[in-house]
PDB file of N, CA and C in Angstrom:
ATOM      1  N   UNK A   1      99.321 108.421  88.508  1.00  0.00           N
ATOM      2  CA  UNK A   1      98.776 109.763  88.618  1.00  0.00           C
ATOM      3  C   UNK A   1      98.216 109.988  90.021  1.00  0.00           C
ATOM      4  N   UNK A   2      97.529 108.993  90.564  1.00  0.00           N
ATOM      5  CA  UNK A   2      96.950 109.125  91.907  1.00  0.00           C
ATOM      6  C   UNK A   2      98.050 109.317  92.942  1.00  0.00           C
ATOM      7  N   UNK A   3      99.125 108.566  92.826  1.00  0.00           N
ATOM      8  CA  UNK A   3     100.239 108.692  93.771  1.00  0.00           C
ATOM      9  C   UNK A   3     100.881 110.080  93.666  1.00  0.00           C
ATOM     10  N   UNK A   4     100.985 110.618  92.460  1.00  0.00           N
ATOM     11  CA  UNK A   4     101.553 111.957  92.275  1.00  0.00           C
ATOM     12  C   UNK A   4     100.675 113.014  92.939  1.00  0.00           C
ATOM     13  N   UNK A   5      99.361 112.887  92.795  1.00  0.00           N
ATOM     14  CA  UNK A   5      98.443 113.843  93.414  1.00  0.00           C
ATOM     15  C   UNK A   5      98.512 113.743  94.934  1.00  0.00           C
ATOM     16  N   UNK A   6      98.594 112.521  95.460  1.00  0.00           N
ATOM     17  CA  UNK A   6      98.704 112.336  96.906  1.00  0.00           C
ATOM     18  C   UNK A   6      99.981 112.979  97.445  1.00  0.00           C
ATOM     19  N   UNK A   7     101.093 112.777  96.742  1.00  0.00           N
ATOM     20  CA  UNK A   7     102.374 113.286  97.227  1.00  0.00           C
ATOM     21  C   UNK A   7     102.487 114.798  97.124  1.00  0.00           C
ATOM     22  N   UNK A   8     101.848 115.399  96.136  1.00  0.00           N
ATOM     23  CA  UNK A   8     101.972 116.838  95.916  1.00  0.00           C
ATOM     24  C   UNK A   8     100.937 117.655  96.687  1.00  0.00           C
ATOM     25  N   UNK A   9     100.041 116.999  97.408  1.00  0.00           N
ATOM     26  CA  UNK A   9      98.966 117.703  98.111  1.00  0.00           C
ATOM     27  C   UNK A   9      99.448 118.220  99.466  1.00  0.00           C
ATOM     28  N   UNK A  10      99.270 119.511  99.733  1.00  0.00           N
ATOM     29  CA  UNK A  10      99.676 120.061 101.042  1.00  0.00           C
ATOM     30  C   UNK A  10      98.683 119.661 102.130  1.00  0.00           C
ATOM     31  N   UNK A  11      99.197 119.401 103.332  1.00  0.00           N
ATOM     32  CA  UNK A  11      98.340 119.020 104.451  1.00  0.00           C
ATOM     33  C   UNK A  11      97.918 120.222 105.291  1.00  0.00           C
ATOM     34  N   UNK A  12      98.756 121.272 105.284  1.00  0.00           N
ATOM     35  CA  UNK A  12      98.452 122.488 106.035  1.00  0.00           C
ATOM     36  C   UNK A  12      98.646 123.696 105.127  1.00  0.00           C
ATOM     37  N   UNK A  13      97.908 124.748 105.439  1.00  0.00           N
ATOM     38  CA  UNK A  13      98.026 125.989 104.685  1.00  0.00           C
ATOM     39  C   UNK A  13      97.864 127.151 105.665  1.00  0.00           C
ATOM     40  N   UNK A  14      97.997 128.351 105.183  1.00  0.00           N
ATOM     41  CA  UNK A  14      97.900 129.539 106.018  1.00  0.00           C
ATOM     42  C   UNK A  14      96.700 130.363 105.561  1.00  0.00           C
ATOM     43  N   UNK A  15      95.946 130.874 106.524  1.00  0.00           N
ATOM     44  CA  UNK A  15      94.857 131.801 106.233  1.00  0.00           C
ATOM     45  C   UNK A  15      95.058 133.056 107.065  1.00  0.00           C
ATOM     46  N   UNK A  16      94.536 134.164 106.575  1.00  0.00           N
ATOM     47  CA  UNK A  16      94.668 135.427 107.295  1.00  0.00           C
ATOM     48  C   UNK A  16      93.411 135.675 108.104  1.00  0.00           C
ATOM     49  N   UNK A  17      93.598 135.965 109.374  1.00  0.00           N
ATOM     50  CA  UNK A  17      92.496 136.279 110.272  1.00  0.00           C
ATOM     51  C   UNK A  17      92.629 137.725 110.735  1.00  0.00           C
ATOM     52  N   UNK A  18      91.497 138.352 110.967  1.00  0.00           N
ATOM     53  CA  UNK A  18      91.495 139.723 111.450  1.00  0.00           C
ATOM     54  C   UNK A  18      90.786 139.753 112.794  1.00  0.00           C
ATOM     55  N   UNK A  19      91.461 140.261 113.800  1.00  0.00           N
ATOM     56  CA  UNK A  19      90.889 140.317 115.139  1.00  0.00           C
ATOM     57  C   UNK A  19      91.234 141.672 115.756  1.00  0.00           C
ATOM     58  N   UNK A  20      90.220 142.451 116.033  1.00  0.00           N
ATOM     59  CA  UNK A  20      90.448 143.750 116.641  1.00  0.00           C
ATOM     60  C   UNK A  20      91.223 144.711 115.758  1.00  0.00           C
ATOM     61  N   UNK A  21      91.077 144.603 114.457  1.00  0.00           N
ATOM     62  CA  UNK A  21      91.780 145.487 113.537  1.00  0.00           C
ATOM     63  C   UNK A  21      93.186 145.039 113.209  1.00  0.00           C
ATOM     64  N   UNK A  22      93.621 143.922 113.766  1.00  0.00           N
ATOM     65  CA  UNK A  22      94.959 143.405 113.509  1.00  0.00           C
ATOM     66  C   UNK A  22      94.831 142.122 112.703  1.00  0.00           C
ATOM     67  N   UNK A  23      95.523 142.051 111.580  1.00  0.00           N
ATOM     68  CA  UNK A  23      95.499 140.853 110.734  1.00  0.00           C
ATOM     69  C   UNK A  23      96.733 140.006 111.042  1.00  0.00           C
ATOM     70  N   UNK A  24      96.525 138.713 111.159  1.00  0.00           N
ATOM     71  CA  UNK A  24      97.637 137.801 111.387  1.00  0.00           C
ATOM     72  C   UNK A  24      97.366 136.489 110.655  1.00  0.00           C
ATOM     73  N   UNK A  25      98.409 135.705 110.463  1.00  0.00           N
ATOM     74  CA  UNK A  25      98.305 134.431 109.753  1.00  0.00           C
ATOM     75  C   UNK A  25      98.113 133.307 110.741  1.00  0.00           C
ATOM     76  N   UNK A  26      97.294 132.342 110.362  1.00  0.00           N
ATOM     77  CA  UNK A  26      97.016 131.184 111.206  1.00  0.00           C
ATOM     78  C   UNK A  26      97.115 129.920 110.348  1.00  0.00           C
ATOM     79  N   UNK A  27      97.798 128.905 110.853  1.00  0.00           N
ATOM     80  CA  UNK A  27      97.896 127.631 110.149  1.00  0.00           C
ATOM     81  C   UNK A  27      96.581 126.870 110.289  1.00  0.00           C
ATOM     82  N   UNK A  28      96.117 126.290 109.197  1.00  0.00           N
ATOM     83  CA  UNK A  28      94.874 125.525 109.188  1.00  0.00           C
ATOM     84  C   UNK A  28      95.086 124.245 108.389  1.00  0.00           C
ATOM     85  N   UNK A  29      94.290 123.223 108.717  1.00  0.00           N
ATOM     86  CA  UNK A  29      94.303 122.002 107.924  1.00  0.00           C
ATOM     87  C   UNK A  29      93.595 122.264 106.604  1.00  0.00           C
ATOM     88  N   UNK A  30      94.034 121.589 105.558  1.00  0.00           N
ATOM     89  CA  UNK A  30      93.461 121.777 104.231  1.00  0.00           C
ATOM     90  C   UNK A  30      92.370 120.729 104.013  1.00  0.00           C
ATOM     91  N   UNK A  31      91.225 121.158 103.490  1.00  0.00           N
ATOM     92  CA  UNK A  31      90.123 120.257 103.190  1.00  0.00           C
ATOM     93  C   UNK A  31      90.542 119.277 102.087  1.00  0.00           C
ATOM     94  N   UNK A  32      89.992 118.061 102.094  1.00  0.00           N
ATOM     95  CA  UNK A  32      90.396 117.048 101.109  1.00  0.00           C
ATOM     96  C   UNK A  32      90.245 117.488  99.651  1.00  0.00           C
ATOM     97  N   UNK A  33      89.147 118.140  99.315  1.00  0.00           N
ATOM     98  CA  UNK A  33      88.953 118.565  97.930  1.00  0.00           C
ATOM     99  C   UNK A  33      89.933 119.661  97.542  1.00  0.00           C
ATOM    100  N   UNK A  34      90.223 120.570  98.467  1.00  0.00           N
ATOM    101  CA  UNK A  34      91.192 121.622  98.181  1.00  0.00           C
ATOM    102  C   UNK A  34      92.591 121.035  98.028  1.00  0.00           C
ATOM    103  N   UNK A  35      92.900 119.975  98.786  1.00  0.00           N
ATOM    104  CA  UNK A  35      94.198 119.309  98.639  1.00  0.00           C
ATOM    105  C   UNK A  35      94.364 118.790  97.227  1.00  0.00           C
ATOM    106  N   UNK A  36      93.320 118.154  96.699  1.00  0.00           N
ATOM    107  CA  UNK A  36      93.374 117.621  95.337  1.00  0.00           C
ATOM    108  C   UNK A  36      93.500 118.760  94.330  1.00  0.00           C
ATOM    109  N   UNK A  37      92.704 119.812  94.518  1.00  0.00           N
ATOM    110  CA  UNK A  37      92.743 120.956  93.603  1.00  0.00           C
ATOM    111  C   UNK A  37      94.123 121.608  93.577  1.00  0.00           C
ATOM    112  N   UNK A  38      94.691 121.858  94.743  1.00  0.00           N
ATOM    113  CA  UNK A  38      96.012 122.483  94.822  1.00  0.00           C
ATOM    114  C   UNK A  38      97.080 121.591  94.195  1.00  0.00           C
ATOM    115  N   UNK A  39      96.981 120.299  94.428  1.00  0.00           N
ATOM    116  CA  UNK A  39      97.950 119.359  93.891  1.00  0.00           C
ATOM    117  C   UNK A  39      97.918 119.342  92.366  1.00  0.00           C
ATOM    118  N   UNK A  40      96.726 119.241  91.795  1.00  0.00           N
ATOM    119  CA  UNK A  40      96.592 119.212  90.334  1.00  0.00           C
ATOM    120  C   UNK A  40      97.061 120.540  89.740  1.00  0.00           C
ATOM    121  N   UNK A  41      96.724 121.659  90.407  1.00  0.00           N
ATOM    122  CA  UNK A  41      97.161 122.977  89.932  1.00  0.00           C
ATOM    123  C   UNK A  41      98.684 123.071  89.921  1.00  0.00           C
ATOM    124  N   UNK A  42      99.329 122.622  90.990  1.00  0.00           N
ATOM    125  CA  UNK A  42     100.785 122.709  91.071  1.00  0.00           C
ATOM    126  C   UNK A  42     101.469 121.796  90.059  1.00  0.00           C
ATOM    127  N   UNK A  43     100.924 120.630  89.822  1.00  0.00           N
ATOM    128  CA  UNK A  43     101.491 119.723  88.822  1.00  0.00           C
ATOM    129  C   UNK A  43     101.352 120.326  87.426  1.00  0.00           C
ATOM    130  N   UNK A  44     100.188 120.898  87.125  1.00  0.00           N
ATOM    131  CA  UNK A  44      99.967 121.504  85.809  1.00  0.00           C
ATOM    132  C   UNK A  44     100.887 122.709  85.598  1.00  0.00           C
ATOM    133  N   UNK A  45     101.028 123.560  86.623  1.00  0.00           N
ATOM    134  CA  UNK A  45     101.918 124.714  86.500  1.00  0.00           C
ATOM    135  C   UNK A  45     103.373 124.278  86.325  1.00  0.00           C
ATOM    136  N   UNK A  46     103.764 123.226  87.017  1.00  0.00           N
ATOM    137  CA  UNK A  46     105.134 122.725  86.885  1.00  0.00           C
ATOM    138  C   UNK A  46     105.380 122.208  85.473  1.00  0.00           C
ATOM    139  N   UNK A  47     104.387 121.546  84.892  1.00  0.00           N
ATOM    140  CA  UNK A  47     104.516 121.086  83.507  1.00  0.00           C
ATOM    141  C   UNK A  47     104.630 122.245  82.539  1.00  0.00           C
ATOM    142  N   UNK A  48     103.851 123.306  82.771  1.00  0.00           N
ATOM    143  CA  UNK A  48     103.926 124.492  81.922  1.00  0.00           C
ATOM    144  C   UNK A  48     105.292 125.156  82.034  1.00  0.00           C
ATOM    145  N   UNK A  49     105.760 125.371  83.272  1.00  0.00           N
ATOM    146  CA  UNK A  49     107.047 126.018  83.466  1.00  0.00           C
ATOM    147  C   UNK A  49     108.195 125.168  82.928  1.00  0.00           C
ATOM    148  N   UNK A  50     108.049 123.855  82.966  1.00  0.00           N
ATOM    149  CA  UNK A  50     109.093 122.980  82.446  1.00  0.00           C
ATOM    150  C   UNK A  50     109.252 123.061  80.945  1.00  0.00           C
ATOM    151  N   UNK A  51     108.205 123.476  80.236  1.00  0.00           N
ATOM    152  CA  UNK A  51     108.281 123.555  78.780  1.00  0.00           C
ATOM    153  C   UNK A  51     108.426 124.993  78.281  1.00  0.00           C
ATOM    154  N   UNK A  52     108.318 125.972  79.157  1.00  0.00           N
ATOM    155  CA  UNK A  52     108.391 127.377  78.764  1.00  0.00           C
ATOM    156  C   UNK A  52     109.827 127.751  78.414  1.00  0.00           C
ATOM    157  N   UNK A  53     110.034 128.380  77.257  1.00  0.00           N
ATOM    158  CA  UNK A  53     111.360 128.772  76.763  1.00  0.00           C
ATOM    159  C   UNK A  53     112.342 127.599  76.782  1.00  0.00           C
ATOM    160  N   UNK A  54     111.868 126.450  76.361  1.00  0.00           N
ATOM    161  CA  UNK A  54     112.661 125.231  76.402  1.00  0.00           C
ATOM    162  C   UNK A  54     112.298 124.398  75.181  1.00  0.00           C
ATOM    163  N   UNK A  55     113.175 123.508  74.779  1.00  0.00           N
ATOM    164  CA  UNK A  55     112.877 122.642  73.640  1.00  0.00           C
ATOM    165  C   UNK A  55     112.001 121.462  74.025  1.00  0.00           C
ATOM    166  N   UNK A  56     111.716 121.303  75.295  1.00  0.00           N
ATOM    167  CA  UNK A  56     110.875 120.216  75.772  1.00  0.00           C
ATOM    168  C   UNK A  56     109.414 120.525  75.478  1.00  0.00           C
ATOM    169  N   UNK A  57     108.685 119.549  74.976  1.00  0.00           N
ATOM    170  CA  UNK A  57     107.261 119.761  74.722  1.00  0.00           C
ATOM    171  C   UNK A  57     106.503 119.780  76.047  1.00  0.00           C
ATOM    172  N   UNK A  58     105.306 120.345  76.010  1.00  0.00           N
ATOM    173  CA  UNK A  58     104.492 120.431  77.223  1.00  0.00           C
ATOM    174  C   UNK A  58     104.134 119.044  77.740  1.00  0.00           C
ATOM    175  N   UNK A  59     103.848 118.109  76.832  1.00  0.00           N
ATOM    176  CA  UNK A  59     103.494 116.750  77.240  1.00  0.00           C
ATOM    177  C   UNK A  59     104.661 116.061  77.941  1.00  0.00           C
ATOM    178  N   UNK A  60     105.868 116.242  77.409  1.00  0.00           N
ATOM    179  CA  UNK A  60     107.048 115.632  78.035  1.00  0.00           C
ATOM    180  C   UNK A  60     107.324 116.238  79.409  1.00  0.00           C
ATOM    181  N   UNK A  61     107.210 117.554  79.508  1.00  0.00           N
ATOM    182  CA  UNK A  61     107.458 118.213  80.788  1.00  0.00           C
ATOM    183  C   UNK A  61     106.422 117.801  81.826  1.00  0.00           C
ATOM    184  N   UNK A  62     105.161 117.686  81.413  1.00  0.00           N
ATOM    185  CA  UNK A  62     104.103 117.262  82.330  1.00  0.00           C
ATOM    186  C   UNK A  62     104.322 115.817  82.773  1.00  0.00           C
ATOM    187  N   UNK A  63     104.689 114.958  81.845  1.00  0.00           N
ATOM    188  CA  UNK A  63     104.955 113.555  82.185  1.00  0.00           C
ATOM    189  C   UNK A  63     106.125 113.448  83.165  1.00  0.00           C
ATOM    190  N   UNK A  64     107.159 114.231  82.928  1.00  0.00           N
ATOM    191  CA  UNK A  64     108.320 114.216  83.830  1.00  0.00           C
ATOM    192  C   UNK A  64     107.924 114.667  85.233  1.00  0.00           C
ATOM    193  N   UNK A  65     107.105 115.721  85.320  1.00  0.00           N
ATOM    194  CA  UNK A  65     106.656 116.225  86.620  1.00  0.00           C
ATOM    195  C   UNK A  65     105.796 115.197  87.342  1.00  0.00           C
ATOM    196  N   UNK A  66     104.906 114.530  86.626  1.00  0.00           N
ATOM    197  CA  UNK A  66     104.041 113.514  87.238  1.00  0.00           C
ATOM    198  C   UNK A  66     104.868 112.355  87.770  1.00  0.00           C
ATOM    199  N   UNK A  67     105.848 111.925  87.003  1.00  0.00           N
ATOM    200  CA  UNK A  67     106.708 110.814  87.441  1.00  0.00           C
ATOM    201  C   UNK A  67     107.508 111.215  88.674  1.00  0.00           C
ATOM    202  N   UNK A  68     108.069 112.428  88.668  1.00  0.00           N
ATOM    203  CA  UNK A  68     108.842 112.883  89.822  1.00  0.00           C
ATOM    204  C   UNK A  68     107.960 113.043  91.056  1.00  0.00           C
ATOM    205  N   UNK A  69     106.754 113.566  90.872  1.00  0.00           N
ATOM    206  CA  UNK A  69     105.844 113.735  92.010  1.00  0.00           C
ATOM    207  C   UNK A  69     105.398 112.379  92.557  1.00  0.00           C
ATOM    208  N   UNK A  70     105.196 111.405  91.679  1.00  0.00           N
ATOM    209  CA  UNK A  70     104.798 110.075  92.126  1.00  0.00           C
ATOM    210  C   UNK A  70     105.907 109.418  92.953  1.00  0.00           C
ATOM    211  N   UNK A  71     107.151 109.723  92.616  1.00  0.00           N
ATOM    212  CA  UNK A  71     108.295 109.186  93.365  1.00  0.00           C
ATOM    213  C   UNK A  71     108.606 110.026  94.608  1.00  0.00           C
ATOM    214  N   UNK A  72     107.865 111.131  94.819  1.00  0.00           N
ATOM    215  CA  UNK A  72     108.100 112.069  95.919  1.00  0.00           C
ATOM    216  C   UNK A  72     109.522 112.618  95.860  1.00  0.00           C
ATOM    217  N   UNK A  73     109.971 112.913  94.633  1.00  0.00           N
ATOM    218  CA  UNK A  73     111.309 113.441  94.385  1.00  0.00           C
ATOM    219  C   UNK A  73     111.356 114.917  94.785  1.00  0.00           C
ATOM    220  N   UNK A  74     112.368 115.302  95.540  1.00  0.00           N
ATOM    221  CA  UNK A  74     112.452 116.684  96.016  1.00  0.00           C
ATOM    222  C   UNK A  74     112.794 117.662  94.899  1.00  0.00           C
ATOM    223  N   UNK A  75     113.159 117.182  93.708  1.00  0.00           N
ATOM    224  CA  UNK A  75     113.433 118.058  92.573  1.00  0.00           C
ATOM    225  C   UNK A  75     112.166 118.450  91.823  1.00  0.00           C
ATOM    226  N   UNK A  76     111.053 117.784  92.095  1.00  0.00           N
ATOM    227  CA  UNK A  76     109.790 118.104  91.428  1.00  0.00           C
ATOM    228  C   UNK A  76     109.278 119.445  91.936  1.00  0.00           C
ATOM    229  N   UNK A  77     108.857 120.304  91.023  1.00  0.00           N
ATOM    230  CA  UNK A  77     108.398 121.637  91.406  1.00  0.00           C
ATOM    231  C   UNK A  77     107.153 121.569  92.286  1.00  0.00           C
ATOM    232  N   UNK A  78     106.267 120.636  92.017  1.00  0.00           N
ATOM    233  CA  UNK A  78     105.048 120.520  92.823  1.00  0.00           C
ATOM    234  C   UNK A  78     105.366 120.079  94.254  1.00  0.00           C
ATOM    235  N   UNK A  79     106.356 119.244  94.423  1.00  0.00           N
ATOM    236  CA  UNK A  79     106.781 118.813  95.760  1.00  0.00           C
ATOM    237  C   UNK A  79     107.462 119.975  96.489  1.00  0.00           C
ATOM    238  N   UNK A  80     108.254 120.755  95.761  1.00  0.00           N
ATOM    239  CA  UNK A  80     108.890 121.934  96.362  1.00  0.00           C
ATOM    240  C   UNK A  80     107.832 122.915  96.843  1.00  0.00           C
ATOM    241  N   UNK A  81     106.793 123.104  96.037  1.00  0.00           N
ATOM    242  CA  UNK A  81     105.716 124.027  96.405  1.00  0.00           C
ATOM    243  C   UNK A  81     104.979 123.520  97.645  1.00  0.00           C
ATOM    244  N   UNK A  82     104.689 122.216  97.698  1.00  0.00           N
ATOM    245  CA  UNK A  82     104.030 121.644  98.881  1.00  0.00           C
ATOM    246  C   UNK A  82     104.878 121.862 100.126  1.00  0.00           C
ATOM    247  N   UNK A  83     106.171 121.596 100.026  1.00  0.00           N
ATOM    248  CA  UNK A  83     107.063 121.774 101.170  1.00  0.00           C
ATOM    249  C   UNK A  83     107.117 123.230 101.618  1.00  0.00           C
ATOM    250  N   UNK A  84     107.110 124.156 100.659  1.00  0.00           N
ATOM    251  CA  UNK A  84     107.143 125.578 100.990  1.00  0.00           C
ATOM    252  C   UNK A  84     105.879 125.997 101.726  1.00  0.00           C
ATOM    253  N   UNK A  85     104.716 125.570 101.252  1.00  0.00           N
ATOM    254  CA  UNK A  85     103.441 125.915 101.891  1.00  0.00           C
ATOM    255  C   UNK A  85     103.389 125.344 103.307  1.00  0.00           C
ATOM    256  N   UNK A  86     103.825 124.110 103.482  1.00  0.00           N
ATOM    257  CA  UNK A  86     103.802 123.486 104.806  1.00  0.00           C
ATOM    258  C   UNK A  86     104.818 124.137 105.745  1.00  0.00           C
ATOM    259  N   UNK A  87     105.954 124.589 105.212  1.00  0.00           N
ATOM    260  CA  UNK A  87     106.949 125.267 106.032  1.00  0.00           C
ATOM    261  C   UNK A  87     106.403 126.597 106.538  1.00  0.00           C
ATOM    262  N   UNK A  88     105.729 127.335 105.673  1.00  0.00           N
ATOM    263  CA  UNK A  88     105.135 128.613 106.072  1.00  0.00           C
ATOM    264  C   UNK A  88     104.054 128.380 107.115  1.00  0.00           C
ATOM    265  N   UNK A  89     103.239 127.325 106.940  1.00  0.00           N
ATOM    266  CA  UNK A  89     102.185 127.021 107.906  1.00  0.00           C
ATOM    267  C   UNK A  89     102.785 126.653 109.267  1.00  0.00           C
ATOM    268  N   UNK A  90     103.871 125.911 109.256  1.00  0.00           N
ATOM    269  CA  UNK A  90     104.517 125.526 110.503  1.00  0.00           C
ATOM    270  C   UNK A  90     105.066 126.759 111.229  1.00  0.00           C
ATOM    271  N   UNK A  91     105.572 127.712 110.473  1.00  0.00           N
ATOM    272  CA  UNK A  91     106.118 128.928 111.077  1.00  0.00           C
ATOM    273  C   UNK A  91     105.026 129.828 111.663  1.00  0.00           C
ATOM    274  N   UNK A  92     103.807 129.713 111.179  1.00  0.00           N
ATOM    275  CA  UNK A  92     102.743 130.615 111.645  1.00  0.00           C
ATOM    276  C   UNK A  92     101.866 129.984 112.712  1.00  0.00           C
ATOM    277  N   UNK A  93     102.309 128.925 113.321  1.00  0.00           N
ATOM    278  CA  UNK A  93     101.524 128.303 114.409  1.00  0.00           C
ATOM    279  C   UNK A  93     101.573 129.121 115.651  1.00  0.00           C
TER     280      UNK A  93
END
Protein backbone atom coordinates (compact mmCIF):
# COMPACT_ATOMS: atom_id res chain seq x y z
CA UNK A 1 0.00 0.00 0.00
CA UNK A 2 2.84 2.40 0.85
CA UNK A 3 4.53 1.76 -2.50
CA UNK A 4 1.22 2.40 -4.32
CA UNK A 5 0.76 5.73 -2.53
CA UNK A 6 4.35 6.74 -3.31
CA UNK A 7 3.97 5.90 -7.00
CA UNK A 8 0.60 7.61 -7.44
CA UNK A 9 1.61 10.86 -5.71
CA UNK A 10 2.17 13.86 -8.03
CA UNK A 11 5.37 15.85 -7.51
CA UNK A 12 4.19 19.03 -9.26
CA UNK A 13 0.82 20.69 -9.65
CA UNK A 14 -0.60 23.88 -11.14
CA UNK A 15 -2.00 26.86 -9.26
CA UNK A 16 -3.67 29.96 -10.63
CA UNK A 17 -2.08 33.31 -9.88
CA UNK A 18 -3.55 36.73 -10.51
CA UNK A 19 -1.24 39.63 -11.28
CA UNK A 20 -2.47 42.98 -12.50
CA UNK A 21 -5.92 41.63 -13.33
CA UNK A 22 -4.51 38.82 -15.46
CA UNK A 23 -4.81 35.22 -14.24
CA UNK A 24 -2.25 32.65 -15.31
CA UNK A 25 -1.17 29.16 -14.28
CA UNK A 26 2.09 28.50 -12.48
CA UNK A 27 3.73 25.14 -11.74
CA UNK A 28 4.43 24.55 -8.05
CA UNK A 29 5.88 21.73 -5.97
CA UNK A 30 3.31 19.73 -4.03
CA UNK A 31 3.55 19.61 -0.22
CA UNK A 32 4.19 16.13 1.24
CA UNK A 33 0.82 15.85 2.98
CA UNK A 34 -1.05 16.98 -0.12
CA UNK A 35 0.87 14.39 -2.16
CA UNK A 36 -0.42 11.66 0.14
CA UNK A 37 -3.96 13.07 0.10
CA UNK A 38 -4.07 13.33 -3.70
CA UNK A 39 -2.63 9.85 -4.09
CA UNK A 40 -5.15 8.21 -1.76
CA UNK A 41 -8.00 10.17 -3.41
CA UNK A 42 -6.95 9.04 -6.90
CA UNK A 43 -6.58 5.41 -5.84
CA UNK A 44 -10.01 5.43 -4.17
CA UNK A 45 -11.66 7.07 -7.20
CA UNK A 46 -10.01 4.55 -9.52
CA UNK A 47 -11.39 1.71 -7.39
CA UNK A 48 -14.87 3.24 -7.54
CA UNK A 49 -14.74 3.76 -11.30
CA UNK A 50 -13.42 0.23 -11.79
CA UNK A 51 -16.51 -1.25 -10.15
CA UNK A 52 -19.11 1.19 -11.54
CA UNK A 53 -21.51 -0.46 -14.05
CA UNK A 54 -19.37 -3.58 -13.91
CA UNK A 55 -19.64 -7.04 -12.39
CA UNK A 56 -16.45 -6.43 -10.43
CA UNK A 57 -16.94 -5.73 -6.74
CA UNK A 58 -15.57 -2.52 -5.25
CA UNK A 59 -13.07 -4.47 -3.13
CA UNK A 60 -11.70 -6.32 -6.16
CA UNK A 61 -11.42 -3.15 -8.23
CA UNK A 62 -9.67 -1.32 -5.38
CA UNK A 63 -7.26 -4.22 -4.85
CA UNK A 64 -6.47 -4.31 -8.57
CA UNK A 65 -5.79 -0.55 -8.60
CA UNK A 66 -3.52 -0.77 -5.54
CA UNK A 67 -1.52 -3.62 -7.07
CA UNK A 68 -1.16 -1.79 -10.39
CA UNK A 69 -0.15 1.46 -8.67
CA UNK A 70 2.41 -0.39 -6.53
CA UNK A 71 3.95 -1.81 -9.73
CA UNK A 72 3.87 1.72 -11.30
CA UNK A 73 1.84 0.23 -14.16
CA UNK A 74 0.85 2.82 -16.76
CA UNK A 75 -2.61 1.19 -17.06
CA UNK A 76 -3.51 2.17 -13.48
CA UNK A 77 -5.93 5.10 -13.42
CA UNK A 78 -4.15 6.75 -10.49
CA UNK A 79 -0.82 6.63 -12.35
CA UNK A 80 -2.48 8.08 -15.46
CA UNK A 81 -3.89 10.91 -13.35
CA UNK A 82 -0.46 11.61 -11.79
CA UNK A 83 1.16 11.71 -15.23
CA UNK A 84 -1.55 14.06 -16.53
CA UNK A 85 -1.15 16.50 -13.61
CA UNK A 86 2.65 16.51 -14.00
CA UNK A 87 2.36 17.00 -17.77
CA UNK A 88 0.12 20.03 -17.30
CA UNK A 89 2.52 21.44 -14.68
CA UNK A 90 5.46 20.98 -17.04
CA UNK A 91 3.59 22.83 -19.79
CA UNK A 92 2.84 25.80 -17.52
CA UNK A 93 6.43 26.52 -16.49
